[in-house]
Amino acid sequence: MSSIELKDFDWLPDAAHVDVNTVAALFGCAVPTVWLRVRRKVLPTPRKFGSHTRWNVGELRKLLQGEPA
């Protein structure tokens, strides 16, 4: 996990993107659980940037605040 991404999550713009380890830390689960929740449509679908998979910060914030994904 990028501790910088997690530590600075509140300061990231909504247009920023974070990795799977950061998502797992935010939701208090393991990385495989993140992927399970994506398949079950509980978490938003990530985007691919070349070989990197990232989640949109704005979408994650909405979900953390109780809004649907």
Protein backbone atom coordinates (compact mmCIF):
# COMPACT_ATOMS: atom_id res chain seq x y z
CA MET A 1 0.00 0.00 0.00
CA SER A 2 1.14 3.50 -0.63
CA SER A 3 1.10 5.02 2.82
CA ILE A 4 1.28 8.45 1.21
CA GLU A 5 -1.98 7.83 -0.68
CA LEU A 6 -3.72 6.65 2.48
CA LYS A 7 -2.30 9.37 4.71
CA ASP A 8 -3.19 12.10 2.22
CA PHE A 9 -6.50 10.60 1.02
CA ASP A 10 -8.55 13.45 2.51
CA TRP A 11 -6.47 15.97 0.58
CA LEU A 12 -6.51 14.22 -2.79
CA PRO A 13 -8.75 15.77 -5.46
CA ASP A 14 -11.84 13.80 -6.48
CA ALA A 15 -10.25 13.22 -9.88
CA ALA A 16 -7.25 11.39 -8.35
CA HIS A 17 -6.89 7.61 -8.41
CA VAL A 18 -5.56 5.15 -5.82
CA ASP A 19 -4.39 1.54 -5.90
CA VAL A 20 -6.00 -1.64 -4.58
CA ASN A 21 -3.97 -1.60 -1.36
CA THR A 22 -5.26 1.85 -0.50
CA VAL A 23 -8.85 0.77 -1.22
CA ALA A 24 -8.39 -2.27 1.03
CA ALA A 25 -7.08 -0.07 3.84
CA LEU A 26 -9.90 2.44 3.45
CA PHE A 27 -12.56 -0.26 3.68
CA GLY A 28 -10.76 -2.34 6.32
CA CYS A 29 -10.51 -5.49 4.27
CA ALA A 30 -7.98 -7.63 2.43
CA VAL A 31 -7.06 -7.14 -1.22
CA PRO A 32 -8.96 -10.28 -2.36
CA THR A 33 -12.07 -8.90 -0.63
CA VAL A 34 -11.77 -5.70 -2.67
CA TRP A 35 -11.89 -7.74 -5.87
CA LEU A 36 -14.84 -9.79 -4.57
CA ARG A 37 -16.73 -6.58 -3.75
CA VAL A 38 -16.00 -5.21 -7.24
CA ARG A 39 -17.42 -8.39 -8.80
CA ARG A 40 -20.51 -8.11 -6.57
CA LYS A 41 -20.90 -4.42 -7.54
CA VAL A 42 -20.41 -3.29 -3.92
CA LEU A 43 -17.33 -1.26 -4.87
CA PRO A 44 -16.97 0.82 -8.04
CA THR A 45 -15.23 -0.65 -11.05
CA PRO A 46 -11.59 0.42 -11.24
CA ARG A 47 -9.97 1.96 -14.30
CA LYS A 48 -6.89 0.70 -16.12
CA PHE A 49 -3.99 3.06 -16.79
CA GLY A 50 -1.59 0.98 -18.85
CA SER A 51 -0.71 -1.93 -16.56
CA HIS A 52 -2.00 -0.16 -13.44
CA THR A 53 -5.48 -0.56 -11.98
CA ARG A 54 -6.78 2.40 -9.98
CA TRP A 55 -9.98 3.56 -8.26
CA ASN A 56 -11.36 7.07 -8.53
CA VAL A 57 -11.09 8.98 -5.23
CA GLY A 58 -14.39 10.83 -5.75
CA GLU A 59 -16.31 7.57 -6.22
CA LEU A 60 -14.69 6.07 -3.12
CA ARG A 61 -15.50 9.15 -1.04
CA LYS A 62 -19.18 8.92 -2.00
CA LEU A 63 -19.26 5.28 -1.01
CA LEU A 64 -17.50 5.98 2.30
CA GLN A 65 -20.11 8.66 3.02
CA GLY A 66 -22.91 6.13 2.53
CA GLU A 67 -23.94 6.98 -1.01
CA PRO A 68 -24.40 4.07 -3.46
CA ALA A 69 -21.51 3.08 -5.70
